[in-house]
Amino acid sequence: MLRFFGAILFLLLCAAGLAYSTLYMPNPEQSPRYLIIEASKAERLPLAPHVRERHARPTDEMRDGSQGRHLRFRVLDKRTLRVHALTVRVGESVTGPWGGEIKPTAFVSDLQIRSGDAVHGPDGLVNPAVWLELTDAERKPLHEGWLFARDNAQTAWDNHRFDLTFLGLELPPPVEADKDAAES
């Protein structure tokens, strides 16, 4: 008798689980799949929504005002533990250790994001940030967005093999005063 009730209970639980899975579980064919760095070359996955939807993009003033400035980056290859130090000019592309490109398109020394817009904050190097475009070896986008030099949560671009960290603006060496001008 106990086996009979156990079998009935088992069947009821199976039926309840099946009903739940058909009603409340999403259809796997409709769920989005996102791009990872080394997706198979035969089948490229679509980019994640936060990459496609470009919020808080730099303004033309931010792009034009920072062209040619030198920025410092560090790339850690997690497989070999090699650290690559890179200096990249805003507006120019440099090949990264993964074979793709690093292209900073704007540098802002005092970035603040307000209501989804990128705006200048207080004067000075308060929150240095760079708008960065990263591509893979086939020039397909990997990342596009702001990296901050001082915000611990957003200082690095991380993937399974590489960490790219924005270190900030490369400042020119201090100019020494001319000794003859100082003596007069």
Protein backbone atom coordinates (compact mmCIF):
# COMPACT_ATOMS: atom_id res chain seq x y z
CA MET A 1 0.00 0.00 0.00
CA LEU A 2 2.87 2.35 0.85
CA ARG A 3 4.47 1.65 -2.54
CA PHE A 4 1.20 2.46 -4.26
CA PHE A 5 0.95 5.88 -2.57
CA GLY A 6 4.65 6.49 -3.19
CA ALA A 7 4.19 5.80 -6.90
CA ILE A 8 1.13 8.09 -7.03
CA LEU A 9 3.07 10.85 -5.25
CA PHE A 10 6.01 10.41 -7.63
CA LEU A 11 3.73 10.69 -10.68
CA LEU A 12 2.05 13.81 -9.27
CA LEU A 13 5.42 15.46 -8.65
CA CYS A 14 6.60 14.61 -12.16
CA ALA A 15 3.40 16.01 -13.66
CA ALA A 16 3.71 19.20 -11.56
CA GLY A 17 7.35 19.64 -12.65
CA LEU A 18 6.43 19.15 -16.30
CA ALA A 19 3.57 21.63 -16.01
CA TYR A 20 5.85 24.17 -14.31
CA SER A 21 8.60 23.81 -16.90
CA THR A 22 6.22 24.28 -19.83
CA LEU A 23 4.48 27.29 -18.27
CA TYR A 24 7.25 29.20 -16.52
CA MET A 25 10.55 28.22 -18.12
CA PRO A 26 11.66 30.33 -21.09
CA ASN A 27 11.90 28.73 -24.49
CA PRO A 28 15.63 28.09 -25.10
CA GLU A 29 15.19 28.98 -28.76
CA GLN A 30 14.06 32.50 -27.76
CA SER A 31 16.71 33.24 -25.13
CA PRO A 32 19.53 35.55 -26.31
CA ARG A 33 23.08 34.30 -26.64
CA TYR A 34 25.97 36.69 -26.30
CA LEU A 35 29.39 37.05 -27.88
CA ILE A 36 32.44 35.81 -26.03
CA ILE A 37 35.96 36.63 -27.17
CA GLU A 38 36.85 33.32 -28.72
CA ALA A 39 33.47 32.38 -30.19
CA SER A 40 33.82 29.87 -32.96
CA LYS A 41 34.77 31.46 -36.25
CA ALA A 42 32.07 29.55 -38.10
CA GLU A 43 29.24 30.91 -35.96
CA ARG A 44 29.52 34.44 -34.56
CA LEU A 45 27.07 35.27 -31.77
CA PRO A 46 25.32 38.66 -31.58
CA LEU A 47 26.73 41.34 -29.30
CA ALA A 48 25.22 41.79 -25.85
CA PRO A 49 22.59 44.57 -25.51
CA HIS A 50 24.84 46.80 -23.38
CA VAL A 51 27.35 46.81 -26.24
CA ARG A 52 24.77 47.46 -28.98
CA GLU A 53 22.91 50.20 -27.10
CA ARG A 54 25.37 53.03 -26.83
CA HIS A 55 24.56 55.09 -23.76
CA ALA A 56 26.67 58.01 -22.55
CA ARG A 57 28.76 58.19 -25.70
CA PRO A 58 31.40 60.93 -25.84
CA THR A 59 30.40 64.25 -27.37
CA ASP A 60 32.17 65.73 -30.40
CA GLU A 61 33.83 68.23 -28.05
CA MET A 62 35.26 65.36 -25.99
CA ARG A 63 36.54 63.61 -29.11
CA ASP A 64 38.05 66.70 -30.73
CA GLY A 65 39.55 68.12 -27.53
CA SER A 66 41.55 65.01 -26.71
CA GLN A 67 43.00 64.00 -30.08
CA GLY A 68 46.70 63.16 -29.94
CA ARG A 69 46.95 62.87 -26.14
CA HIS A 70 49.00 59.92 -24.92
CA LEU A 71 47.24 57.39 -22.67
CA ARG A 72 48.79 54.56 -20.67
CA PHE A 73 47.38 51.02 -20.57
CA ARG A 74 48.52 47.75 -19.05
CA VAL A 75 47.52 44.36 -20.49
CA LEU A 76 47.94 41.17 -18.49
CA ASP A 77 48.07 37.90 -20.40
CA LYS A 78 46.62 35.48 -17.85
CA ARG A 79 47.97 32.42 -19.64
CA THR A 80 51.63 33.50 -19.74
CA LEU A 81 51.48 36.05 -16.87
CA ARG A 82 53.21 38.55 -19.12
CA VAL A 83 52.41 42.23 -18.58
CA HIS A 84 52.38 44.50 -21.62
CA ALA A 85 52.72 48.27 -21.10
CA LEU A 86 51.15 50.29 -23.92
CA THR A 87 51.04 53.98 -24.70
CA VAL A 88 48.33 54.85 -27.20
CA ARG A 89 47.44 58.21 -28.72
CA VAL A 90 43.77 59.19 -28.74
CA GLY A 91 42.40 58.68 -32.24
CA GLU A 92 44.97 56.08 -33.27
CA SER A 93 44.79 52.27 -33.23
CA VAL A 94 47.37 49.95 -31.71
CA THR A 95 47.47 46.17 -32.00
CA GLY A 96 46.89 44.50 -28.64
CA PRO A 97 48.50 41.23 -27.51
CA TRP A 98 45.34 39.31 -28.52
CA GLY A 99 45.84 40.38 -32.16
CA GLY A 100 42.96 42.84 -32.18
CA GLU A 101 43.02 46.62 -31.96
CA ILE A 102 42.86 49.10 -29.11
CA LYS A 103 41.47 52.45 -30.23
CA PRO A 104 40.81 55.23 -27.74
CA THR A 105 38.57 57.84 -29.37
CA ALA A 106 38.07 60.31 -26.49
CA PHE A 107 39.75 61.18 -23.20
CA VAL A 108 38.01 63.17 -20.48
CA SER A 109 39.89 64.20 -17.33
CA ASP A 110 36.74 64.74 -15.28
CA LEU A 111 33.98 62.50 -16.63
CA GLN A 112 30.61 62.18 -14.97
CA ILE A 113 27.66 60.19 -16.29
CA ARG A 114 24.34 61.91 -15.59
CA SER A 115 21.01 60.58 -16.79
CA GLY A 116 22.76 58.47 -19.42
CA ASP A 117 24.79 61.39 -20.82
CA ALA A 118 28.55 61.88 -20.58
CA VAL A 119 29.35 65.33 -19.18
CA HIS A 120 32.40 67.18 -17.88
CA GLY A 121 32.60 67.30 -14.10
CA PRO A 122 34.76 69.58 -11.95
CA ASP A 123 38.05 70.80 -13.37
CA GLY A 124 41.18 68.72 -12.94
CA LEU A 125 42.07 65.04 -13.09
CA VAL A 126 39.18 64.04 -10.82
CA ASN A 127 37.78 61.07 -12.74
CA PRO A 128 39.93 60.41 -15.84
CA ALA A 129 38.16 58.21 -18.37
CA VAL A 130 38.71 57.01 -21.91
CA TRP A 131 36.15 55.90 -24.51
CA LEU A 132 37.70 52.74 -25.90
CA GLU A 133 36.91 50.52 -28.86
CA LEU A 134 38.39 47.02 -28.80
CA THR A 135 38.25 44.56 -31.69
CA ASP A 136 39.37 40.99 -32.15
CA ALA A 137 41.89 39.77 -34.73
CA GLU A 138 39.15 39.78 -37.39
CA ARG A 139 38.27 43.42 -36.57
CA LYS A 140 34.93 42.46 -35.01
CA PRO A 141 33.93 44.45 -31.90
CA LEU A 142 34.73 43.07 -28.45
CA HIS A 143 34.11 46.10 -26.26
CA GLU A 144 33.08 49.70 -26.67
CA GLY A 145 32.65 52.00 -23.71
CA TRP A 146 34.24 54.06 -20.97
CA LEU A 147 37.15 52.84 -18.85
CA PHE A 148 38.00 54.83 -15.74
CA ALA A 149 41.44 55.27 -14.21
CA ARG A 150 40.24 55.74 -10.63
CA ASP A 151 36.96 53.88 -10.31
CA ASN A 152 37.83 50.40 -9.05
CA ALA A 153 34.67 48.89 -10.51
CA GLN A 154 35.40 50.03 -14.07
CA THR A 155 39.15 50.31 -14.42
CA ALA A 156 39.70 47.18 -16.46
CA TRP A 157 38.34 45.29 -19.41
CA ASP A 158 38.39 41.66 -18.42
CA ASN A 159 38.07 38.52 -20.47
CA HIS A 160 39.08 34.93 -19.90
CA ARG A 161 42.63 35.48 -21.18
CA PHE A 162 43.44 39.22 -20.99
CA ASP A 163 42.94 42.08 -18.53
CA LEU A 164 43.28 45.59 -19.97
CA THR A 165 43.64 48.35 -17.40
CA PHE A 166 43.53 52.09 -18.13
CA LEU A 167 46.24 53.79 -16.08
CA GLY A 168 45.56 57.39 -17.10
CA LEU A 169 47.10 60.19 -19.06
CA GLU A 170 50.81 60.09 -19.79
CA LEU A 171 52.01 63.43 -18.52
CA PRO A 172 54.99 65.07 -20.23
CA PRO A 173 58.22 65.28 -18.23
CA PRO A 174 58.59 68.49 -16.20
CA VAL A 175 60.21 71.33 -18.11
CA GLU A 176 63.39 72.59 -16.49
CA ALA A 177 63.79 76.34 -16.44
CA ASP A 178 66.61 77.72 -18.53
CA LYS A 179 69.52 78.48 -16.19
CA ASP A 180 70.44 81.66 -18.10
CA ALA A 181 66.86 82.98 -17.79
CA ALA A 182 66.83 82.16 -14.08
CA GLU A 183 70.12 84.03 -13.41
CA SER A 184 68.94 87.27 -15.01
